[in-house]
C-alpha atoms as a PDB file:
ATOM      1  CA  UNK A   1     -17.150  -8.597  -8.510  1.00  0.00           C
ATOM      2  CA  UNK A   2     -19.435  -6.618  -6.576  1.00  0.00           C
ATOM      3  CA  UNK A   3     -18.007  -3.567  -4.951  1.00  0.00           C
ATOM      4  CA  UNK A   4     -17.616  -3.283  -1.076  1.00  0.00           C
ATOM      5  CA  UNK A   5     -16.676   0.170  -1.328  1.00  0.00           C
ATOM      6  CA  UNK A   6     -17.573   2.690  -4.021  1.00  0.00           C
ATOM      7  CA  UNK A   7     -16.453   6.285  -3.982  1.00  0.00           C
ATOM      8  CA  UNK A   8     -17.135   8.944  -6.540  1.00  0.00           C
ATOM      9  CA  UNK A   9     -16.189  12.662  -6.385  1.00  0.00           C
ATOM     10  CA  UNK A  10     -14.719  12.647  -2.687  1.00  0.00           C
ATOM     11  CA  UNK A  11     -13.578  16.110  -1.428  1.00  0.00           C
ATOM     12  CA  UNK A  12     -12.128  16.988   1.819  1.00  0.00           C
ATOM     13  CA  UNK A  13     -11.787  20.716   2.465  1.00  0.00           C
ATOM     14  CA  UNK A  14     -10.231  21.827   5.732  1.00  0.00           C
ATOM     15  CA  UNK A  15     -10.575  25.729   6.659  1.00  0.00           C
ATOM     16  CA  UNK A  16      -7.059  27.308   7.671  1.00  0.00           C
ATOM     17  CA  UNK A  17      -5.881  30.800   8.394  1.00  0.00           C
ATOM     18  CA  UNK A  18      -5.030  31.374   4.675  1.00  0.00           C
ATOM     19  CA  UNK A  19      -8.258  30.056   3.400  1.00  0.00           C
ATOM     20  CA  UNK A  20      -9.570  26.715   2.460  1.00  0.00           C
ATOM     21  CA  UNK A  21      -7.148  23.545   2.161  1.00  0.00           C
ATOM     22  CA  UNK A  22      -8.284  21.254  -0.547  1.00  0.00           C
ATOM     23  CA  UNK A  23      -6.869  18.380   0.729  1.00  0.00           C
ATOM     24  CA  UNK A  24      -8.722  15.682  -1.563  1.00  0.00           C
ATOM     25  CA  UNK A  25     -10.243  17.161  -4.872  1.00  0.00           C
ATOM     26  CA  UNK A  26     -12.655  14.739  -6.358  1.00  0.00           C
ATOM     27  CA  UNK A  27     -11.447  11.175  -6.287  1.00  0.00           C
ATOM     28  CA  UNK A  28     -13.040   8.055  -7.571  1.00  0.00           C
ATOM     29  CA  UNK A  29     -12.331   4.619  -5.731  1.00  0.00           C
ATOM     30  CA  UNK A  30     -13.873   1.174  -5.592  1.00  0.00           C
ATOM     31  CA  UNK A  31     -12.648  -2.090  -4.237  1.00  0.00           C
ATOM     32  CA  UNK A  32     -14.389  -5.529  -4.216  1.00  0.00           C
ATOM     33  CA  UNK A  33     -14.415  -8.429  -1.898  1.00  0.00           C
ATOM     34  CA  UNK A  34     -11.257 -10.342  -1.551  1.00  0.00           C
ATOM     35  CA  UNK A  35      -9.382  -7.511  -3.593  1.00  0.00           C
ATOM     36  CA  UNK A  36      -6.502  -5.486  -2.502  1.00  0.00           C
ATOM     37  CA  UNK A  37      -6.479  -1.611  -3.671  1.00  0.00           C
ATOM     38  CA  UNK A  38      -3.048   0.188  -2.933  1.00  0.00           C
ATOM     39  CA  UNK A  39      -3.164   3.934  -2.744  1.00  0.00           C
ATOM     40  CA  UNK A  40       0.268   5.222  -3.252  1.00  0.00           C
ATOM     41  CA  UNK A  41       1.701   8.768  -3.227  1.00  0.00           C
ATOM     42  CA  UNK A  42       4.185  10.989  -1.570  1.00  0.00           C
ATOM     43  CA  UNK A  43       3.626  12.509   2.071  1.00  0.00           C
ATOM     44  CA  UNK A  44       0.834  14.791   2.202  1.00  0.00           C
ATOM     45  CA  UNK A  45      -0.983  13.940  -1.033  1.00  0.00           C
ATOM     46  CA  UNK A  46      -4.190  13.114   1.000  1.00  0.00           C
ATOM     47  CA  UNK A  47      -3.866   9.255   1.574  1.00  0.00           C
ATOM     48  CA  UNK A  48      -4.571   9.408   5.219  1.00  0.00           C
ATOM     49  CA  UNK A  49      -7.264  11.912   4.899  1.00  0.00           C
ATOM     50  CA  UNK A  50      -9.271   9.637   2.399  1.00  0.00           C
ATOM     51  CA  UNK A  51      -8.991   6.808   4.597  1.00  0.00           C
ATOM     52  CA  UNK A  52     -10.217   8.893   7.748  1.00  0.00           C
ATOM     53  CA  UNK A  53     -13.050  10.100   5.699  1.00  0.00           C
ATOM     54  CA  UNK A  54     -14.229   6.787   4.864  1.00  0.00           C
ATOM     55  CA  UNK A  55     -14.270   5.728   8.539  1.00  0.00           C
ATOM     56  CA  UNK A  56     -15.949   9.105   9.456  1.00  0.00           C
ATOM     57  CA  UNK A  57     -12.942   9.930  11.712  1.00  0.00           C
ATOM     58  CA  UNK A  58     -11.859  13.195  10.598  1.00  0.00           C
ATOM     59  CA  UNK A  59     -12.247  16.399  12.867  1.00  0.00           C
ATOM     60  CA  UNK A  60     -15.669  18.087  12.605  1.00  0.00           C
ATOM     61  CA  UNK A  61     -14.220  21.292  11.066  1.00  0.00           C
ATOM     62  CA  UNK A  62     -13.228  19.388   8.017  1.00  0.00           C
ATOM     63  CA  UNK A  63     -15.789  19.454   5.223  1.00  0.00           C
ATOM     64  CA  UNK A  64     -16.352  16.162   3.397  1.00  0.00           C
ATOM     65  CA  UNK A  65     -18.633  15.776   0.350  1.00  0.00           C
ATOM     66  CA  UNK A  66     -18.870  13.243  -2.290  1.00  0.00           C
ATOM     67  CA  UNK A  67     -21.351  12.359  -5.305  1.00  0.00           C
ATOM     68  CA  UNK A  68     -21.379   8.805  -3.975  1.00  0.00           C
ATOM     69  CA  UNK A  69     -19.599   7.008  -0.897  1.00  0.00           C
ATOM     70  CA  UNK A  70     -21.314   3.625  -0.579  1.00  0.00           C
ATOM     71  CA  UNK A  71     -20.247   0.670   1.792  1.00  0.00           C
ATOM     72  CA  UNK A  72     -22.026  -2.410   0.702  1.00  0.00           C
ATOM     73  CA  UNK A  73     -24.735  -0.204  -1.076  1.00  0.00           C
ATOM     74  CA  UNK A  74     -25.118   1.989   2.088  1.00  0.00           C
ATOM     75  CA  UNK A  75     -24.338   5.821   1.688  1.00  0.00           C
ATOM     76  CA  UNK A  76     -21.846   6.537   4.382  1.00  0.00           C
ATOM     77  CA  UNK A  77     -22.289  10.341   4.426  1.00  0.00           C
ATOM     78  CA  UNK A  78     -25.944  10.341   5.000  1.00  0.00           C
ATOM     79  CA  UNK A  79     -25.336   7.996   8.215  1.00  0.00           C
ATOM     80  CA  UNK A  80     -25.655   9.375  11.649  1.00  0.00           C
ATOM     81  CA  UNK A  81     -22.683   8.929  14.075  1.00  0.00           C
ATOM     82  CA  UNK A  82     -24.520   6.193  15.738  1.00  0.00           C
ATOM     83  CA  UNK A  83     -24.941   4.340  12.649  1.00  0.00           C
ATOM     84  CA  UNK A  84     -21.188   4.864  11.788  1.00  0.00           C
ATOM     85  CA  UNK A  85     -20.329   3.692  15.327  1.00  0.00           C
ATOM     86  CA  UNK A  86     -22.478   0.429  14.643  1.00  0.00           C
ATOM     87  CA  UNK A  87     -20.402  -0.452  11.519  1.00  0.00           C
ATOM     88  CA  UNK A  88     -16.831   0.897  12.421  1.00  0.00           C
ATOM     89  CA  UNK A  89     -14.816  -1.629  14.093  1.00  0.00           C
ATOM     90  CA  UNK A  90     -17.542  -4.338  13.035  1.00  0.00           C
ATOM     91  CA  UNK A  91     -18.053  -4.417   9.182  1.00  0.00           C
ATOM     92  CA  UNK A  92     -15.212  -1.969   8.362  1.00  0.00           C
ATOM     93  CA  UNK A  93     -11.977  -1.647  10.437  1.00  0.00           C
ATOM     94  CA  UNK A  94      -8.755   0.205  10.473  1.00  0.00           C
ATOM     95  CA  UNK A  95      -5.213  -0.462  11.078  1.00  0.00           C
ATOM     96  CA  UNK A  96      -3.314   2.650  12.063  1.00  0.00           C
ATOM     97  CA  UNK A  97       0.214   3.355  10.991  1.00  0.00           C
ATOM     98  CA  UNK A  98       1.464   3.887  14.736  1.00  0.00           C
ATOM     99  CA  UNK A  99       0.415   1.154  17.000  1.00  0.00           C
ATOM    100  CA  UNK A 100       1.961   2.629  20.260  1.00  0.00           C
ATOM    101  CA  UNK A 101      -0.537   5.546  19.973  1.00  0.00           C
ATOM    102  CA  UNK A 102      -3.213   3.535  18.634  1.00  0.00           C
ATOM    103  CA  UNK A 103      -3.397   0.972  21.542  1.00  0.00           C
ATOM    104  CA  UNK A 104      -4.579   2.551  24.729  1.00  0.00           C
ATOM    105  CA  UNK A 105      -1.653   2.301  27.242  1.00  0.00           C
ATOM    106  CA  UNK A 106      -3.918   2.065  30.310  1.00  0.00           C
ATOM    107  CA  UNK A 107      -5.789  -1.116  29.202  1.00  0.00           C
ATOM    108  CA  UNK A 108      -4.462  -4.586  28.788  1.00  0.00           C
ATOM    109  CA  UNK A 109      -4.271  -6.189  25.333  1.00  0.00           C
ATOM    110  CA  UNK A 110      -6.958  -8.522  26.295  1.00  0.00           C
ATOM    111  CA  UNK A 111      -9.384  -5.914  27.060  1.00  0.00           C
ATOM    112  CA  UNK A 112      -8.671  -3.907  23.852  1.00  0.00           C
ATOM    113  CA  UNK A 113      -9.093  -6.947  21.622  1.00  0.00           C
ATOM    114  CA  UNK A 114     -12.316  -8.249  23.399  1.00  0.00           C
ATOM    115  CA  UNK A 115     -13.938  -4.919  23.324  1.00  0.00           C
ATOM    116  CA  UNK A 116     -15.222  -4.940  19.571  1.00  0.00           C
ATOM    117  CA  UNK A 117     -16.713  -8.498  19.744  1.00  0.00           C
ATOM    118  CA  UNK A 118     -18.521  -7.466  23.089  1.00  0.00           C
ATOM    119  CA  UNK A 119     -19.783  -4.121  21.969  1.00  0.00           C
ATOM    120  CA  UNK A 120     -20.939  -5.150  18.288  1.00  0.00           C
ATOM    121  CA  UNK A 121     -21.841  -8.834  18.518  1.00  0.00           C
ATOM    122  CA  UNK A 122     -22.957  -9.093  22.248  1.00  0.00           C
ATOM    123  CA  UNK A 123     -20.607 -11.885  22.705  1.00  0.00           C
ATOM    124  CA  UNK A 124     -19.777 -13.023  26.245  1.00  0.00           C
ATOM    125  CA  UNK A 125     -16.373 -12.411  27.698  1.00  0.00           C
ATOM    126  CA  UNK A 126     -15.450 -15.995  27.651  1.00  0.00           C
ATOM    127  CA  UNK A 127     -16.500 -16.122  23.558  1.00  0.00           C
ATOM    128  CA  UNK A 128     -14.462 -12.866  23.139  1.00  0.00           C
ATOM    129  CA  UNK A 129     -11.514 -14.346  24.992  1.00  0.00           C
ATOM    130  CA  UNK A 130     -11.489 -17.300  22.893  1.00  0.00           C
ATOM    131  CA  UNK A 131     -11.601 -15.321  19.697  1.00  0.00           C
ATOM    132  CA  UNK A 132      -8.802 -13.008  20.751  1.00  0.00           C
ATOM    133  CA  UNK A 133      -6.638 -15.894  21.496  1.00  0.00           C
ATOM    134  CA  UNK A 134      -7.248 -17.509  18.180  1.00  0.00           C
ATOM    135  CA  UNK A 135      -6.511 -14.439  16.228  1.00  0.00           C
ATOM    136  CA  UNK A 136      -3.256 -13.646  18.133  1.00  0.00           C
ATOM    137  CA  UNK A 137      -2.205 -17.094  17.234  1.00  0.00           C
ATOM    138  CA  UNK A 138      -3.458 -16.436  13.540  1.00  0.00           C
ATOM    139  CA  UNK A 139      -1.232 -13.258  13.148  1.00  0.00           C
ATOM    140  CA  UNK A 140       1.813 -15.173  14.401  1.00  0.00           C
ATOM    141  CA  UNK A 141       1.943 -14.303  18.178  1.00  0.00           C
ATOM    142  CA  UNK A 142       3.315 -16.952  20.330  1.00  0.00           C
ATOM    143  CA  UNK A 143       2.005 -17.640  24.081  1.00  0.00           C
ATOM    144  CA  UNK A 144      -1.311 -16.000  22.933  1.00  0.00           C
ATOM    145  CA  UNK A 145      -3.292 -16.633  25.918  1.00  0.00           C
ATOM    146  CA  UNK A 146      -0.440 -14.890  28.307  1.00  0.00           C
ATOM    147  CA  UNK A 147      -0.313 -11.768  26.051  1.00  0.00           C
ATOM    148  CA  UNK A 148      -4.005 -10.862  26.872  1.00  0.00           C
ATOM    149  CA  UNK A 149      -2.876  -9.702  30.487  1.00  0.00           C
ATOM    150  CA  UNK A 150      -0.040  -7.681  29.126  1.00  0.00           C
ATOM    151  CA  UNK A 151      -0.043  -3.972  28.181  1.00  0.00           C
ATOM    152  CA  UNK A 152       1.151  -2.275  25.069  1.00  0.00           C
ATOM    153  CA  UNK A 153       4.480  -1.139  26.325  1.00  0.00           C
ATOM    154  CA  UNK A 154       5.384  -4.526  27.021  1.00  0.00           C
ATOM    155  CA  UNK A 155       5.292  -5.639  23.451  1.00  0.00           C
ATOM    156  CA  UNK A 156       7.777  -4.793  20.601  1.00  0.00           C
ATOM    157  CA  UNK A 157       6.752  -2.675  17.859  1.00  0.00           C
ATOM    158  CA  UNK A 158       6.084  -5.770  15.463  1.00  0.00           C
ATOM    159  CA  UNK A 159       4.048  -7.348  17.973  1.00  0.00           C
ATOM    160  CA  UNK A 160       1.944  -4.331  18.785  1.00  0.00           C
ATOM    161  CA  UNK A 161       1.116  -4.241  15.053  1.00  0.00           C
ATOM    162  CA  UNK A 162       0.237  -7.789  14.829  1.00  0.00           C
ATOM    163  CA  UNK A 163      -2.305  -6.924  17.880  1.00  0.00           C
ATOM    164  CA  UNK A 164      -3.775  -4.183  15.840  1.00  0.00           C
ATOM    165  CA  UNK A 165      -4.370  -6.530  12.979  1.00  0.00           C
ATOM    166  CA  UNK A 166      -5.836  -9.018  15.051  1.00  0.00           C
ATOM    167  CA  UNK A 167      -7.973  -6.361  16.580  1.00  0.00           C
ATOM    168  CA  UNK A 168      -9.255  -5.354  13.160  1.00  0.00           C
ATOM    169  CA  UNK A 169     -10.232  -9.110  12.382  1.00  0.00           C
ATOM    170  CA  UNK A 170     -12.166  -9.609  15.625  1.00  0.00           C
ATOM    171  CA  UNK A 171     -15.533  -9.102  13.929  1.00  0.00           C
ATOM    172  CA  UNK A 172     -14.611 -10.431  10.502  1.00  0.00           C
ATOM    173  CA  UNK A 173     -14.976  -7.188   8.611  1.00  0.00           C
ATOM    174  CA  UNK A 174     -15.899  -6.859   4.847  1.00  0.00           C
ATOM    175  CA  UNK A 175     -13.478  -4.025   4.643  1.00  0.00           C
ATOM    176  CA  UNK A 176      -9.962  -3.332   6.408  1.00  0.00           C
ATOM    177  CA  UNK A 177      -8.042  -0.081   5.842  1.00  0.00           C
ATOM    178  CA  UNK A 178      -4.360  -0.189   6.525  1.00  0.00           C
ATOM    179  CA  UNK A 179      -2.806   2.967   6.650  1.00  0.00           C
ATOM    180  CA  UNK A 180       0.886   2.611   6.374  1.00  0.00           C
ATOM    181  CA  UNK A 181       1.087  -0.337   8.754  1.00  0.00           C
ATOM    182  CA  UNK A 182       4.712  -0.988   8.308  1.00  0.00           C
ATOM    183  CA  UNK A 183       6.028   2.630   8.638  1.00  0.00           C
ATOM    184  CA  UNK A 184       7.408   2.302  12.018  1.00  0.00           C
ATOM    185  CA  UNK A 185       8.873  -1.266  11.795  1.00  0.00           C
ATOM    186  CA  UNK A 186      12.182  -2.455  10.718  1.00  0.00           C
ATOM    187  CA  UNK A 187      12.548  -4.014   7.226  1.00  0.00           C
ATOM    188  CA  UNK A 188      12.518  -7.686   8.302  1.00  0.00           C
ATOM    189  CA  UNK A 189       9.190  -7.033  10.460  1.00  0.00           C
ATOM    190  CA  UNK A 190       7.886  -5.131   7.484  1.00  0.00           C
ATOM    191  CA  UNK A 191       8.245  -8.025   5.189  1.00  0.00           C
ATOM    192  CA  UNK A 192       6.263 -10.310   7.623  1.00  0.00           C
ATOM    193  CA  UNK A 193       3.599  -7.903   8.247  1.00  0.00           C
ATOM    194  CA  UNK A 194       2.747  -7.341   4.655  1.00  0.00           C
ATOM    195  CA  UNK A 195       2.998 -11.246   4.215  1.00  0.00           C
ATOM    196  CA  UNK A 196       0.534 -11.695   6.805  1.00  0.00           C
ATOM    197  CA  UNK A 197      -1.965  -9.128   5.591  1.00  0.00           C
ATOM    198  CA  UNK A 198      -1.911 -10.728   2.078  1.00  0.00           C
ATOM    199  CA  UNK A 199      -2.519 -14.261   3.859  1.00  0.00           C
ATOM    200  CA  UNK A 200      -5.463 -12.995   6.036  1.00  0.00           C
ATOM    201  CA  UNK A 201      -7.010 -11.144   3.119  1.00  0.00           C
ATOM    202  CA  UNK A 202      -7.345 -14.227   1.299  1.00  0.00           C
ATOM    203  CA  UNK A 203      -8.321 -16.250   4.288  1.00  0.00           C
ATOM    204  CA  UNK A 204     -11.119 -13.985   5.431  1.00  0.00           C
ATOM    205  CA  UNK A 205     -12.009 -12.564   1.913  1.00  0.00           C
ATOM    206  CA  UNK A 206     -11.895  -8.916   3.179  1.00  0.00           C
ATOM    207  CA  UNK A 207     -11.523  -6.158   0.833  1.00  0.00           C
ATOM    208  CA  UNK A 208      -8.219  -4.370   1.710  1.00  0.00           C
ATOM    209  CA  UNK A 209      -7.243  -0.773   1.026  1.00  0.00           C
ATOM    210  CA  UNK A 210      -3.529  -0.416   1.821  1.00  0.00           C
ATOM    211  CA  UNK A 211      -2.247   3.002   1.867  1.00  0.00           C
ATOM    212  CA  UNK A 212       1.876   3.500   1.254  1.00  0.00           C
ATOM    213  CA  UNK A 213       4.395   5.382  -0.270  1.00  0.00           C
ATOM    214  CA  UNK A 214       6.505   2.432  -0.920  1.00  0.00           C
ATOM    215  CA  UNK A 215       6.208   0.952  -4.626  1.00  0.00           C
ATOM    216  CA  UNK A 216       7.673  -2.217  -3.745  1.00  0.00           C
ATOM    217  CA  UNK A 217       4.898  -2.993  -1.230  1.00  0.00           C
ATOM    218  CA  UNK A 218       2.391  -2.027  -4.017  1.00  0.00           C
ATOM    219  CA  UNK A 219       3.967  -4.507  -6.528  1.00  0.00           C
ATOM    220  CA  UNK A 220       4.157  -7.253  -4.090  1.00  0.00           C
ATOM    221  CA  UNK A 221       0.438  -7.195  -2.642  1.00  0.00           C
ATOM    222  CA  UNK A 222      -1.670  -5.096  -4.701  1.00  0.00           C
ATOM    223  CA  UNK A 223      -4.589  -6.243  -7.127  1.00  0.00           C
ATOM    224  CA  UNK A 224      -5.119  -2.453  -8.154  1.00  0.00           C
ATOM    225  CA  UNK A 225      -3.466   0.580  -7.533  1.00  0.00           C
ATOM    226  CA  UNK A 226      -4.292   4.366  -7.449  1.00  0.00           C
ATOM    227  CA  UNK A 227      -1.579   6.814  -7.979  1.00  0.00           C
ATOM    228  CA  UNK A 228      -2.336   9.874  -5.864  1.00  0.00           C
ATOM    229  CA  UNK A 229      -0.834  13.319  -6.267  1.00  0.00           C
ATOM    230  CA  UNK A 230      -1.786  16.689  -4.588  1.00  0.00           C
ATOM    231  CA  UNK A 231      -5.389  15.365  -3.639  1.00  0.00           C
ATOM    232  CA  UNK A 232      -6.159  13.923  -6.887  1.00  0.00           C
ATOM    233  CA  UNK A 233      -5.911  10.362  -8.052  1.00  0.00           C
ATOM    234  CA  UNK A 234      -3.585  10.692 -11.388  1.00  0.00           C
ATOM    235  CA  UNK A 235      -3.693   7.064 -12.503  1.00  0.00           C
ATOM    236  CA  UNK A 236      -5.462   3.968 -11.869  1.00  0.00           C
ATOM    237  CA  UNK A 237      -5.569   0.465 -12.952  1.00  0.00           C
ATOM    238  CA  UNK A 238      -4.307  -3.167 -12.411  1.00  0.00           C
ATOM    239  CA  UNK A 239      -1.005  -3.207 -10.782  1.00  0.00           C
ATOM    240  CA  UNK A 240       0.704  -4.904 -13.702  1.00  0.00           C
ATOM    241  CA  UNK A 241      -0.936  -2.239 -16.073  1.00  0.00           C
ATOM    242  CA  UNK A 242       0.304   0.718 -14.091  1.00  0.00           C
ATOM    243  CA  UNK A 243       3.725  -0.651 -13.388  1.00  0.00           C
ATOM    244  CA  UNK A 244       4.555  -2.165 -16.702  1.00  0.00           C
ATOM    245  CA  UNK A 245       2.860   0.648 -18.852  1.00  0.00           C
ATOM    246  CA  UNK A 246       2.766   3.861 -16.707  1.00  0.00           C
ATOM    247  CA  UNK A 247       1.199   6.808 -18.465  1.00  0.00           C
ATOM    248  CA  UNK A 248       0.956   9.815 -16.168  1.00  0.00           C
ATOM    249  CA  UNK A 249       4.271  11.491 -15.959  1.00  0.00           C
ATOM    250  CA  UNK A 250       4.189  11.412 -12.136  1.00  0.00           C
ATOM    251  CA  UNK A 251       3.741   7.672 -12.066  1.00  0.00           C
ATOM    252  CA  UNK A 252       6.556   7.601 -14.757  1.00  0.00           C
ATOM    253  CA  UNK A 253       8.833   9.339 -12.303  1.00  0.00           C
ATOM    254  CA  UNK A 254       7.956   7.272  -9.395  1.00  0.00           C
ATOM    255  CA  UNK A 255       8.997   4.159 -11.209  1.00  0.00           C
ATOM    256  CA  UNK A 256      12.038   5.688 -12.748  1.00  0.00           C
ATOM    257  CA  UNK A 257      13.212   5.935  -9.055  1.00  0.00           C
ATOM    258  CA  UNK A 258      13.375   2.220  -8.679  1.00  0.00           C
ATOM    259  CA  UNK A 259      16.546   0.677  -9.260  1.00  0.00           C
ATOM    260  CA  UNK A 260      16.556  -2.469 -11.652  1.00  0.00           C
ATOM    261  CA  UNK A 261      18.389  -5.548 -10.520  1.00  0.00           C
ATOM    262  CA  UNK A 262      21.070  -6.288 -13.028  1.00  0.00           C
ATOM    263  CA  UNK A 263      20.413  -3.349 -15.222  1.00  0.00           C
ATOM    264  CA  UNK A 264      21.089  -0.369 -12.743  1.00  0.00           C
ATOM    265  CA  UNK A 265      24.923   0.218 -12.601  1.00  0.00           C
ATOM    266  CA  UNK A 266      26.288   0.449  -9.086  1.00  0.00           C
ATOM    267  CA  UNK A 267      26.991   3.887  -8.256  1.00  0.00           C
ATOM    268  CA  UNK A 268      24.772   5.504 -11.100  1.00  0.00           C
ATOM    269  CA  UNK A 269      22.081   8.233 -10.441  1.00  0.00           C
ATOM    270  CA  UNK A 270      18.493   7.056  -9.723  1.00  0.00           C
ATOM    271  CA  UNK A 271      15.706   8.878 -11.405  1.00  0.00           C
ATOM    272  CA  UNK A 272      14.362  12.036  -9.467  1.00  0.00           C
ATOM    273  CA  UNK A 273      11.155  14.393  -9.644  1.00  0.00           C
ATOM    274  CA  UNK A 274      12.391  18.140  -9.814  1.00  0.00           C
ATOM    275  CA  UNK A 275      10.593  20.780  -8.163  1.00  0.00           C
ATOM    276  CA  UNK A 276       8.012  20.820  -5.124  1.00  0.00           C
ATOM    277  CA  UNK A 277       4.429  19.871  -4.491  1.00  0.00           C
ATOM    278  CA  UNK A 278       2.029  23.079  -5.164  1.00  0.00           C
ATOM    279  CA  UNK A 279       0.008  24.622  -2.331  1.00  0.00           C
ATOM    280  CA  UNK A 280      -3.516  23.300  -2.163  1.00  0.00           C
ATOM    281  CA  UNK A 281      -4.992  26.387  -0.140  1.00  0.00           C
ATOM    282  CA  UNK A 282      -7.228  28.663  -2.372  1.00  0.00           C
ATOM    283  CA  UNK A 283      -8.367  28.344  -5.737  1.00  0.00           C
ATOM    284  CA  UNK A 284      -6.628  25.565  -7.957  1.00  0.00           C
ATOM    285  CA  UNK A 285      -6.686  25.101 -11.860  1.00  0.00           C
ATOM    286  CA  UNK A 286      -5.229  22.840 -14.239  1.00  0.00           C
ATOM    287  CA  UNK A 287      -2.912  20.344 -13.521  1.00  0.00           C
ATOM    288  CA  UNK A 288      -0.924  20.335 -10.215  1.00  0.00           C
ATOM    289  CA  UNK A 289       1.966  18.457 -11.650  1.00  0.00           C
ATOM    290  CA  UNK A 290       2.694  20.885 -14.374  1.00  0.00           C
ATOM    291  CA  UNK A 291       5.441  22.805 -12.482  1.00  0.00           C
ATOM    292  CA  UNK A 292       7.346  19.756 -12.186  1.00  0.00           C
ATOM    293  CA  UNK A 293       6.632  18.037 -15.613  1.00  0.00           C
ATOM    294  CA  UNK A 294       8.861  18.114 -18.338  1.00  0.00           C
ATOM    295  CA  UNK A 295       6.060  17.879 -20.956  1.00  0.00           C
ATOM    296  CA  UNK A 296       3.749  20.526 -19.579  1.00  0.00           C
ATOM    297  CA  UNK A 297       2.251  23.069 -22.076  1.00  0.00           C
ATOM    298  CA  UNK A 298      -0.302  25.778 -21.943  1.00  0.00           C
ATOM    299  CA  UNK A 299      -3.121  23.556 -21.912  1.00  0.00           C
ATOM    300  CA  UNK A 300      -2.079  22.256 -18.606  1.00  0.00           C
ATOM    301  CA  UNK A 301      -2.670  25.375 -16.922  1.00  0.00           C
ATOM    302  CA  UNK A 302      -6.534  24.995 -17.695  1.00  0.00           C
ATOM    303  CA  UNK A 303      -7.614  21.652 -17.489  1.00  0.00           C
ATOM    304  CA  UNK A 304      -6.390  17.799 -16.390  1.00  0.00           C
ATOM    305  CA  UNK A 305      -9.176  15.834 -17.869  1.00  0.00           C
ATOM    306  CA  UNK A 306      -9.583  12.093 -16.889  1.00  0.00           C
ATOM    307  CA  UNK A 307      -9.288   9.631 -19.804  1.00  0.00           C
ATOM    308  CA  UNK A 308     -10.632   6.349 -19.241  1.00  0.00           C
ATOM    309  CA  UNK A 309      -9.062   3.666 -21.405  1.00  0.00           C
ATOM    310  CA  UNK A 310     -11.148   0.857 -19.883  1.00  0.00           C
ATOM    311  CA  UNK A 311     -13.232   0.107 -16.772  1.00  0.00           C
ATOM    312  CA  UNK A 312     -10.806   0.632 -13.987  1.00  0.00           C
ATOM    313  CA  UNK A 313      -7.983   1.934 -15.875  1.00  0.00           C
ATOM    314  CA  UNK A 314      -7.448   5.614 -16.378  1.00  0.00           C
ATOM    315  CA  UNK A 315      -5.118   8.692 -16.177  1.00  0.00           C
ATOM    316  CA  UNK A 316      -5.526  12.336 -15.611  1.00  0.00           C
ATOM    317  CA  UNK A 317      -3.695  14.343 -18.323  1.00  0.00           C
ATOM    318  CA  UNK A 318      -4.066  16.190 -21.638  1.00  0.00           C
ATOM    319  CA  UNK A 319      -1.659  14.197 -23.394  1.00  0.00           C
ATOM    320  CA  UNK A 320      -2.892  11.069 -25.564  1.00  0.00           C
ATOM    321  CA  UNK A 321      -2.055   7.616 -24.681  1.00  0.00           C
ATOM    322  CA  UNK A 322       0.327   7.114 -27.377  1.00  0.00           C
ATOM    323  CA  UNK A 323       2.365   9.973 -26.364  1.00  0.00           C
ATOM    324  CA  UNK A 324       2.403   9.268 -22.889  1.00  0.00           C
ATOM    325  CA  UNK A 325       3.367   5.698 -23.670  1.00  0.00           C
ATOM    326  CA  UNK A 326       6.308   6.576 -25.880  1.00  0.00           C
ATOM    327  CA  UNK A 327       7.574   8.819 -23.025  1.00  0.00           C
ATOM    328  CA  UNK A 328       7.164   6.060 -20.538  1.00  0.00           C
ATOM    329  CA  UNK A 329       9.288   3.783 -22.726  1.00  0.00           C
ATOM    330  CA  UNK A 330      12.073   6.369 -23.214  1.00  0.00           C
ATOM    331  CA  UNK A 331      11.903   7.274 -19.362  1.00  0.00           C
ATOM    332  CA  UNK A 332      11.974   3.956 -17.718  1.00  0.00           C
ATOM    333  CA  UNK A 333      12.455   1.282 -20.527  1.00  0.00           C
ATOM    334  CA  UNK A 334       9.883  -1.332 -22.109  1.00  0.00           C
ATOM    335  CA  UNK A 335      10.397  -4.026 -19.416  1.00  0.00           C
ATOM    336  CA  UNK A 336      11.036  -4.872 -15.829  1.00  0.00           C
ATOM    337  CA  UNK A 337       9.002  -2.353 -14.145  1.00  0.00           C
ATOM    338  CA  UNK A 338       7.006  -4.636 -12.144  1.00  0.00           C
ATOM    339  CA  UNK A 339       9.811  -7.060 -11.538  1.00  0.00           C
ATOM    340  CA  UNK A 340      12.129  -4.430 -10.221  1.00  0.00           C
ATOM    341  CA  UNK A 341       9.638  -3.010  -8.001  1.00  0.00           C
ATOM    342  CA  UNK A 342       8.806  -6.017  -6.273  1.00  0.00           C
ATOM    343  CA  UNK A 343      12.536  -7.507  -6.176  1.00  0.00           C
END
């Protein structure tokens, strides 16, 4: 499968009063056409900054660098702002996590939906209007034509997020980035939006990067998963590989927090990860997870090498695979991880 997006060694540094904040520290990612990659990790680990750097939407004070960041073979970092503007909203699109602040309250839904097609494809207003009605119906919005004259404040949170999805699809993009698109929605609407994204990705054959901190979401929709911690990707692989055989102690800790239906006793304590995330300001060395890891040793203070087990399957740790696998079996059990997360 040819990669729509390939990233090697992506770094994002932000100057703050205490020094440089190393928000993203040399990550590698790739996603192919028709594939869903989930980036999972706790708040503040660098997921959203990664997505904004791909779209070229970081503030000017943020310093972005990469050994390679190619979109359909074209280097994003060497593009001018004009070139980026030409592909943003056209060939790659983003769904933000809060639709009320992403939609302009001063413009109607129709105006905002039609703008990308008119801007990027030189479509007439009539063509753009027909496309907008078609996509609103596609994302499950009834009375689609009448919605075009409404304003964002007249729609519920779930409807606004569906409008954002329709807007992202207006130009049939090759890459869609969804940054926690269900965070502000209730549980029932969350499930509907996730099901909708999965269906639309299959129908339009777009590459989808879904950013979340919900492992249940990952288990239900992902083809591949990248686990992110403190600005680094600590484990990658196919979703069934990572959930059924987690290797990095952080991944094991996350999965250990998931209750297993029929096995986790009512009222029993769930797993937890002790300690706090270290600061990423100033010089950093060694494994950032070592102050929270039960298996940390002196070597962890020096380095956390990437171990590649197979193409697309890797982890970042000084410990060998067999030892990490034994730890995982002892910590979370040998079966049920993927089933528990997707239940």
